[in-house]
Amino acid sequence: MGLWTLLEGLLLLANALAILNEDRFLAPRGWGFQEFPGGKAKSLKGQVIGLIYATQYLRVPLVILNSICIIIKLVSG
C-alpha cells in the first residue's frame, strides 16, 4: 500500500462523512448535533459528531480534491 492509496482512502472516507444527512440518518440514531448543547463535546461520540459536521462544511474543497484525483487517475491510467 502506497501513500497515494492511503490518500485516496482518506478522501473516500471524507466523502462518506460529508454526505451523511442529519435529519434522515444521524438524528434518529442519536448522533445529532443537538445531543451536545453549547458545543461541549469532550467524549468520543462528540468528537466523531464534530468530525462529521466539519466534513460537511468542507464540501467545496472535497469537490476540488475529487476532481484532482479523477484527473490524476485519467492521466496515469
PDB file of N, CA and C in Angstrom:
ATOM      1  N   MET A   1       0.852  -1.167   0.000  1.00  0.00           N
ATOM      2  CA  MET A   1       0.000   0.000   0.000  1.00  0.00           C
ATOM      3  C   MET A   1       0.897   1.228   0.000  1.00  0.00           C
ATOM      4  N   GLY A   2       0.687   2.070  -0.969  1.00  0.00           N
ATOM      5  CA  GLY A   2       1.489   3.267  -1.077  1.00  0.00           C
ATOM      6  C   GLY A   2       0.807   4.477  -0.474  1.00  0.00           C
ATOM      7  N   LEU A   3       1.508   5.585  -0.532  1.00  0.00           N
ATOM      8  CA  LEU A   3       0.980   6.833   0.010  1.00  0.00           C
ATOM      9  C   LEU A   3      -0.238   7.291  -0.779  1.00  0.00           C
ATOM     10  N   TRP A   4      -0.208   7.104  -2.101  1.00  0.00           N
ATOM     11  CA  TRP A   4      -1.343   7.525  -2.924  1.00  0.00           C
ATOM     12  C   TRP A   4      -2.603   6.743  -2.570  1.00  0.00           C
ATOM     13  N   THR A   5      -2.478   5.459  -2.336  1.00  0.00           N
ATOM     14  CA  THR A   5      -3.623   4.639  -1.954  1.00  0.00           C
ATOM     15  C   THR A   5      -4.181   5.072  -0.603  1.00  0.00           C
ATOM     16  N   LEU A   6      -3.303   5.407   0.327  1.00  0.00           N
ATOM     17  CA  LEU A   6      -3.739   5.886   1.636  1.00  0.00           C
ATOM     18  C   LEU A   6      -4.486   7.218   1.502  1.00  0.00           C
ATOM     19  N   LEU A   7      -3.980   8.132   0.691  1.00  0.00           N
ATOM     20  CA  LEU A   7      -4.648   9.418   0.480  1.00  0.00           C
ATOM     21  C   LEU A   7      -6.003   9.238  -0.195  1.00  0.00           C
ATOM     22  N   GLU A   8      -6.096   8.318  -1.138  1.00  0.00           N
ATOM     23  CA  GLU A   8      -7.384   8.034  -1.780  1.00  0.00           C
ATOM     24  C   GLU A   8      -8.384   7.470  -0.773  1.00  0.00           C
ATOM     25  N   GLY A   9      -7.918   6.616   0.100  1.00  0.00           N
ATOM     26  CA  GLY A   9      -8.792   6.055   1.127  1.00  0.00           C
ATOM     27  C   GLY A   9      -9.305   7.121   2.079  1.00  0.00           C
ATOM     28  N   LEU A  10      -8.440   8.050   2.473  1.00  0.00           N
ATOM     29  CA  LEU A  10      -8.873   9.143   3.340  1.00  0.00           C
ATOM     30  C   LEU A  10      -9.862  10.066   2.630  1.00  0.00           C
ATOM     31  N   LEU A  11      -9.647  10.281   1.336  1.00  0.00           N
ATOM     32  CA  LEU A  11     -10.576  11.094   0.561  1.00  0.00           C
ATOM     33  C   LEU A  11     -11.938  10.412   0.460  1.00  0.00           C
ATOM     34  N   LEU A  12     -11.955   9.107   0.269  1.00  0.00           N
ATOM     35  CA  LEU A  12     -13.218   8.371   0.226  1.00  0.00           C
ATOM     36  C   LEU A  12     -13.934   8.407   1.579  1.00  0.00           C
ATOM     37  N   LEU A  13     -13.177   8.327   2.663  1.00  0.00           N
ATOM     38  CA  LEU A  13     -13.774   8.416   3.999  1.00  0.00           C
ATOM     39  C   LEU A  13     -14.371   9.810   4.227  1.00  0.00           C
ATOM     40  N   ALA A  14     -13.664  10.849   3.808  1.00  0.00           N
ATOM     41  CA  ALA A  14     -14.188  12.216   3.937  1.00  0.00           C
ATOM     42  C   ALA A  14     -15.452  12.392   3.103  1.00  0.00           C
ATOM     43  N   ASN A  15     -15.480  11.800   1.914  1.00  0.00           N
ATOM     44  CA  ASN A  15     -16.691  11.854   1.086  1.00  0.00           C
ATOM     45  C   ASN A  15     -17.862  11.158   1.769  1.00  0.00           C
ATOM     46  N   ALA A  16     -17.591  10.018   2.392  1.00  0.00           N
ATOM     47  CA  ALA A  16     -18.655   9.280   3.064  1.00  0.00           C
ATOM     48  C   ALA A  16     -19.221  10.069   4.239  1.00  0.00           C
ATOM     49  N   LEU A  17     -18.362  10.751   4.980  1.00  0.00           N
ATOM     50  CA  LEU A  17     -18.831  11.552   6.106  1.00  0.00           C
ATOM     51  C   LEU A  17     -19.572  12.804   5.650  1.00  0.00           C
ATOM     52  N   ALA A  18     -19.180  13.347   4.502  1.00  0.00           N
ATOM     53  CA  ALA A  18     -19.775  14.595   4.027  1.00  0.00           C
ATOM     54  C   ALA A  18     -21.205  14.405   3.532  1.00  0.00           C
ATOM     55  N   ILE A  19     -21.561  13.199   3.106  1.00  0.00           N
ATOM     56  CA  ILE A  19     -22.897  13.022   2.534  1.00  0.00           C
ATOM     57  C   ILE A  19     -23.923  12.547   3.552  1.00  0.00           C
ATOM     58  N   LEU A  20     -23.517  12.331   4.802  1.00  0.00           N
ATOM     59  CA  LEU A  20     -24.473  11.892   5.811  1.00  0.00           C
ATOM     60  C   LEU A  20     -25.458  13.020   6.118  1.00  0.00           C
ATOM     61  N   ASN A  21     -26.732  12.698   6.079  1.00  0.00           N
ATOM     62  CA  ASN A  21     -27.782  13.673   6.333  1.00  0.00           C
ATOM     63  C   ASN A  21     -28.210  13.565   7.794  1.00  0.00           C
ATOM     64  N   GLU A  22     -28.257  14.713   8.478  1.00  0.00           N
ATOM     65  CA  GLU A  22     -28.602  14.683   9.896  1.00  0.00           C
ATOM     66  C   GLU A  22     -30.049  14.284  10.120  1.00  0.00           C
ATOM     67  N   ASP A  23     -30.965  14.848   9.359  1.00  0.00           N
ATOM     68  CA  ASP A  23     -32.383  14.592   9.586  1.00  0.00           C
ATOM     69  C   ASP A  23     -32.777  13.146   9.277  1.00  0.00           C
ATOM     70  N   ARG A  24     -32.191  12.574   8.242  1.00  0.00           N
ATOM     71  CA  ARG A  24     -32.607  11.241   7.814  1.00  0.00           C
ATOM     72  C   ARG A  24     -31.780  10.121   8.417  1.00  0.00           C
ATOM     73  N   PHE A  25     -30.535  10.405   8.795  1.00  0.00           N
ATOM     74  CA  PHE A  25     -29.666   9.316   9.237  1.00  0.00           C
ATOM     75  C   PHE A  25     -29.114   9.522  10.641  1.00  0.00           C
ATOM     76  N   LEU A  26     -28.581  10.691  10.929  1.00  0.00           N
ATOM     77  CA  LEU A  26     -27.881  10.877  12.194  1.00  0.00           C
ATOM     78  C   LEU A  26     -28.808  11.075  13.389  1.00  0.00           C
ATOM     79  N   ALA A  27     -29.779  11.965  13.273  1.00  0.00           N
ATOM     80  CA  ALA A  27     -30.651  12.293  14.408  1.00  0.00           C
ATOM     81  C   ALA A  27     -31.479  11.102  14.902  1.00  0.00           C
ATOM     82  N   PRO A  28     -32.067  10.279  14.030  1.00  0.00           N
ATOM     83  CA  PRO A  28     -32.829   9.130  14.551  1.00  0.00           C
ATOM     84  C   PRO A  28     -31.978   8.125  15.329  1.00  0.00           C
ATOM     85  N   ARG A  29     -30.691   8.123  15.088  1.00  0.00           N
ATOM     86  CA  ARG A  29     -29.805   7.187  15.786  1.00  0.00           C
ATOM     87  C   ARG A  29     -29.104   7.816  16.989  1.00  0.00           C
ATOM     88  N   GLY A  30     -29.483   9.062  17.315  1.00  0.00           N
ATOM     89  CA  GLY A  30     -28.893   9.724  18.473  1.00  0.00           C
ATOM     90  C   GLY A  30     -27.553  10.364  18.215  1.00  0.00           C
ATOM     91  N   TRP A  31     -27.217  10.618  16.950  1.00  0.00           N
ATOM     92  CA  TRP A  31     -25.947  11.223  16.596  1.00  0.00           C
ATOM     93  C   TRP A  31     -26.122  12.654  16.101  1.00  0.00           C
ATOM     94  N   GLY A  32     -27.179  13.318  16.517  1.00  0.00           N
ATOM     95  CA  GLY A  32     -27.436  14.692  16.095  1.00  0.00           C
ATOM     96  C   GLY A  32     -26.571  15.678  16.851  1.00  0.00           C
ATOM     97  N   PHE A  33     -26.427  16.854  16.292  1.00  0.00           N
ATOM     98  CA  PHE A  33     -25.609  17.883  16.912  1.00  0.00           C
ATOM     99  C   PHE A  33     -26.286  18.445  18.157  1.00  0.00           C
ATOM    100  N   GLN A  34     -27.594  18.250  18.286  1.00  0.00           N
ATOM    101  CA  GLN A  34     -28.318  18.733  19.445  1.00  0.00           C
ATOM    102  C   GLN A  34     -28.028  17.884  20.687  1.00  0.00           C
ATOM    103  N   GLU A  35     -27.361  16.769  20.522  1.00  0.00           N
ATOM    104  CA  GLU A  35     -27.015  15.922  21.656  1.00  0.00           C
ATOM    105  C   GLU A  35     -26.043  16.618  22.607  1.00  0.00           C
ATOM    106  N   PHE A  36     -25.286  17.576  22.083  1.00  0.00           N
ATOM    107  CA  PHE A  36     -24.266  18.251  22.865  1.00  0.00           C
ATOM    108  C   PHE A  36     -24.507  19.755  22.839  1.00  0.00           C
ATOM    109  N   PRO A  37     -25.345  20.249  23.735  1.00  0.00           N
ATOM    110  CA  PRO A  37     -25.641  21.683  23.736  1.00  0.00           C
ATOM    111  C   PRO A  37     -24.430  22.503  24.167  1.00  0.00           C
ATOM    112  N   GLY A  38     -24.266  23.638  23.533  1.00  0.00           N
ATOM    113  CA  GLY A  38     -23.173  24.524  23.882  1.00  0.00           C
ATOM    114  C   GLY A  38     -21.829  24.129  23.317  1.00  0.00           C
ATOM    115  N   GLY A  39     -21.792  23.087  22.517  1.00  0.00           N
ATOM    116  CA  GLY A  39     -20.540  22.672  21.891  1.00  0.00           C
ATOM    117  C   GLY A  39     -19.581  21.970  22.836  1.00  0.00           C
ATOM    118  N   LYS A  40     -20.047  21.501  23.991  1.00  0.00           N
ATOM    119  CA  LYS A  40     -19.173  20.816  24.939  1.00  0.00           C
ATOM    120  C   LYS A  40     -19.147  19.333  24.621  1.00  0.00           C
ATOM    121  N   ALA A  41     -18.333  18.987  23.668  1.00  0.00           N
ATOM    122  CA  ALA A  41     -18.278  17.600  23.208  1.00  0.00           C
ATOM    123  C   ALA A  41     -16.898  17.031  23.502  1.00  0.00           C
ATOM    124  N   LYS A  42     -16.701  16.556  24.736  1.00  0.00           N
ATOM    125  CA  LYS A  42     -15.407  16.006  25.122  1.00  0.00           C
ATOM    126  C   LYS A  42     -15.332  14.498  24.921  1.00  0.00           C
ATOM    127  N   SER A  43     -16.475  13.856  24.756  1.00  0.00           N
ATOM    128  CA  SER A  43     -16.470  12.408  24.620  1.00  0.00           C
ATOM    129  C   SER A  43     -16.093  12.005  23.194  1.00  0.00           C
ATOM    130  N   LEU A  44     -15.862  10.725  23.004  1.00  0.00           N
ATOM    131  CA  LEU A  44     -15.518  10.210  21.678  1.00  0.00           C
ATOM    132  C   LEU A  44     -16.674  10.409  20.707  1.00  0.00           C
ATOM    133  N   LYS A  45     -17.899  10.182  21.190  1.00  0.00           N
ATOM    134  CA  LYS A  45     -19.074  10.376  20.338  1.00  0.00           C
ATOM    135  C   LYS A  45     -19.185  11.839  19.914  1.00  0.00           C
ATOM    136  N   GLY A  46     -18.918  12.762  20.822  1.00  0.00           N
ATOM    137  CA  GLY A  46     -18.955  14.184  20.490  1.00  0.00           C
ATOM    138  C   GLY A  46     -17.877  14.567  19.491  1.00  0.00           C
ATOM    139  N   GLN A  47     -16.714  13.961  19.611  1.00  0.00           N
ATOM    140  CA  GLN A  47     -15.634  14.234  18.669  1.00  0.00           C
ATOM    141  C   GLN A  47     -15.975  13.714  17.275  1.00  0.00           C
ATOM    142  N   VAL A  48     -16.591  12.550  17.201  1.00  0.00           N
ATOM    143  CA  VAL A  48     -16.987  11.991  15.901  1.00  0.00           C
ATOM    144  C   VAL A  48     -18.070  12.852  15.260  1.00  0.00           C
ATOM    145  N   ILE A  49     -19.030  13.306  16.066  1.00  0.00           N
ATOM    146  CA  ILE A  49     -20.077  14.187  15.538  1.00  0.00           C
ATOM    147  C   ILE A  49     -19.467  15.483  15.031  1.00  0.00           C
ATOM    148  N   GLY A  50     -18.505  16.032  15.756  1.00  0.00           N
ATOM    149  CA  GLY A  50     -17.803  17.229  15.307  1.00  0.00           C
ATOM    150  C   GLY A  50     -17.062  17.000  14.007  1.00  0.00           C
ATOM    151  N   LEU A  51     -16.450  15.832  13.851  1.00  0.00           N
ATOM    152  CA  LEU A  51     -15.757  15.494  12.604  1.00  0.00           C
ATOM    153  C   LEU A  51     -16.732  15.402  11.438  1.00  0.00           C
ATOM    154  N   ILE A  52     -17.895  14.813  11.685  1.00  0.00           N
ATOM    155  CA  ILE A  52     -18.910  14.706  10.627  1.00  0.00           C
ATOM    156  C   ILE A  52     -19.357  16.089  10.182  1.00  0.00           C
ATOM    157  N   TYR A  53     -19.609  16.979  11.136  1.00  0.00           N
ATOM    158  CA  TYR A  53     -20.048  18.320  10.774  1.00  0.00           C
ATOM    159  C   TYR A  53     -18.937  19.124  10.116  1.00  0.00           C
ATOM    160  N   ALA A  54     -17.694  18.897  10.501  1.00  0.00           N
ATOM    161  CA  ALA A  54     -16.582  19.598   9.855  1.00  0.00           C
ATOM    162  C   ALA A  54     -16.447  19.186   8.395  1.00  0.00           C
ATOM    163  N   THR A  55     -16.612  17.900   8.108  1.00  0.00           N
ATOM    164  CA  THR A  55     -16.514  17.466   6.716  1.00  0.00           C
ATOM    165  C   THR A  55     -17.698  17.952   5.895  1.00  0.00           C
ATOM    166  N   GLN A  56     -18.854  18.145   6.530  1.00  0.00           N
ATOM    167  CA  GLN A  56     -19.997  18.663   5.789  1.00  0.00           C
ATOM    168  C   GLN A  56     -19.787  20.119   5.396  1.00  0.00           C
ATOM    169  N   TYR A  57     -19.038  20.867   6.186  1.00  0.00           N
ATOM    170  CA  TYR A  57     -18.745  22.252   5.833  1.00  0.00           C
ATOM    171  C   TYR A  57     -17.641  22.361   4.789  1.00  0.00           C
ATOM    172  N   LEU A  58     -16.888  21.306   4.586  1.00  0.00           N
ATOM    173  CA  LEU A  58     -15.781  21.325   3.628  1.00  0.00           C
ATOM    174  C   LEU A  58     -16.143  20.631   2.315  1.00  0.00           C
ATOM    175  N   ARG A  59     -17.362  20.787   1.874  1.00  0.00           N
ATOM    176  CA  ARG A  59     -17.792  20.099   0.651  1.00  0.00           C
ATOM    177  C   ARG A  59     -17.129  20.673  -0.598  1.00  0.00           C
ATOM    178  N   VAL A  60     -16.938  21.976  -0.659  1.00  0.00           N
ATOM    179  CA  VAL A  60     -16.325  22.578  -1.854  1.00  0.00           C
ATOM    180  C   VAL A  60     -14.874  22.116  -2.015  1.00  0.00           C
ATOM    181  N   PRO A  61     -14.047  22.144  -0.952  1.00  0.00           N
ATOM    182  CA  PRO A  61     -12.697  21.581  -1.121  1.00  0.00           C
ATOM    183  C   PRO A  61     -12.707  20.094  -1.460  1.00  0.00           C
ATOM    184  N   LEU A  62     -13.710  19.355  -0.970  1.00  0.00           N
ATOM    185  CA  LEU A  62     -13.797  17.935  -1.323  1.00  0.00           C
ATOM    186  C   LEU A  62     -14.085  17.745  -2.805  1.00  0.00           C
ATOM    187  N   VAL A  63     -14.926  18.604  -3.367  1.00  0.00           N
ATOM    188  CA  VAL A  63     -15.208  18.522  -4.805  1.00  0.00           C
ATOM    189  C   VAL A  63     -13.928  18.787  -5.597  1.00  0.00           C
ATOM    190  N   ILE A  64     -13.157  19.762  -5.152  1.00  0.00           N
ATOM    191  CA  ILE A  64     -11.900  20.090  -5.842  1.00  0.00           C
ATOM    192  C   ILE A  64     -10.911  18.933  -5.720  1.00  0.00           C
ATOM    193  N   LEU A  65     -10.775  18.364  -4.523  1.00  0.00           N
ATOM    194  CA  LEU A  65      -9.859  17.234  -4.342  1.00  0.00           C
ATOM    195  C   LEU A  65     -10.304  16.010  -5.134  1.00  0.00           C
ATOM    196  N   ASN A  66     -11.602  15.772  -5.212  1.00  0.00           N
ATOM    197  CA  ASN A  66     -12.103  14.663  -6.029  1.00  0.00           C
ATOM    198  C   ASN A  66     -11.799  14.890  -7.497  1.00  0.00           C
ATOM    199  N   SER A  67     -11.951  16.117  -7.974  1.00  0.00           N
ATOM    200  CA  SER A  67     -11.647  16.426  -9.371  1.00  0.00           C
ATOM    201  C   SER A  67     -10.176  16.209  -9.668  1.00  0.00           C
ATOM    202  N   ILE A  68      -9.310  16.637  -8.754  1.00  0.00           N
ATOM    203  CA  ILE A  68      -7.866  16.425  -8.945  1.00  0.00           C
ATOM    204  C   ILE A  68      -7.543  14.936  -8.970  1.00  0.00           C
ATOM    205  N   CYS A  69      -8.165  14.180  -8.092  1.00  0.00           N
ATOM    206  CA  CYS A  69      -7.935  12.739  -8.040  1.00  0.00           C
ATOM    207  C   CYS A  69      -8.383  12.066  -9.336  1.00  0.00           C
ATOM    208  N   ILE A  70      -9.524  12.474  -9.856  1.00  0.00           N
ATOM    209  CA  ILE A  70     -10.030  11.905 -11.106  1.00  0.00           C
ATOM    210  C   ILE A  70      -9.105  12.237 -12.263  1.00  0.00           C
ATOM    211  N   ILE A  71      -8.632  13.464 -12.318  1.00  0.00           N
ATOM    212  CA  ILE A  71      -7.717  13.871 -13.400  1.00  0.00           C
ATOM    213  C   ILE A  71      -6.417  13.084 -13.326  1.00  0.00           C
ATOM    214  N   ILE A  72      -5.874  12.920 -12.132  1.00  0.00           N
ATOM    215  CA  ILE A  72      -4.632  12.153 -11.979  1.00  0.00           C
ATOM    216  C   ILE A  72      -4.857  10.694 -12.398  1.00  0.00           C
ATOM    217  N   LYS A  73      -5.991  10.126 -12.024  1.00  0.00           N
ATOM    218  CA  LYS A  73      -6.281   8.751 -12.433  1.00  0.00           C
ATOM    219  C   LYS A  73      -6.422   8.621 -13.950  1.00  0.00           C
ATOM    220  N   LEU A  74      -7.033   9.625 -14.582  1.00  0.00           N
ATOM    221  CA  LEU A  74      -7.172   9.587 -16.037  1.00  0.00           C
ATOM    222  C   LEU A  74      -5.842   9.712 -16.742  1.00  0.00           C
ATOM    223  N   VAL A  75      -4.961  10.562 -16.231  1.00  0.00           N
ATOM    224  CA  VAL A  75      -3.668  10.775 -16.851  1.00  0.00           C
ATOM    225  C   VAL A  75      -2.740   9.592 -16.632  1.00  0.00           C
ATOM    226  N   SER A  76      -2.732   9.065 -15.407  1.00  0.00           N
ATOM    227  CA  SER A  76      -1.774   7.998 -15.093  1.00  0.00           C
ATOM    228  C   SER A  76      -2.245   6.609 -15.537  1.00  0.00           C
ATOM    229  N   GLY A  77      -3.538   6.476 -15.772  1.00  0.00           N
ATOM    230  CA  GLY A  77      -4.038   5.199 -16.253  1.00  0.00           C
ATOM    231  C   GLY A  77      -4.525   4.398 -15.135  1.00  0.00           C
TER     232      GLY A  77
END
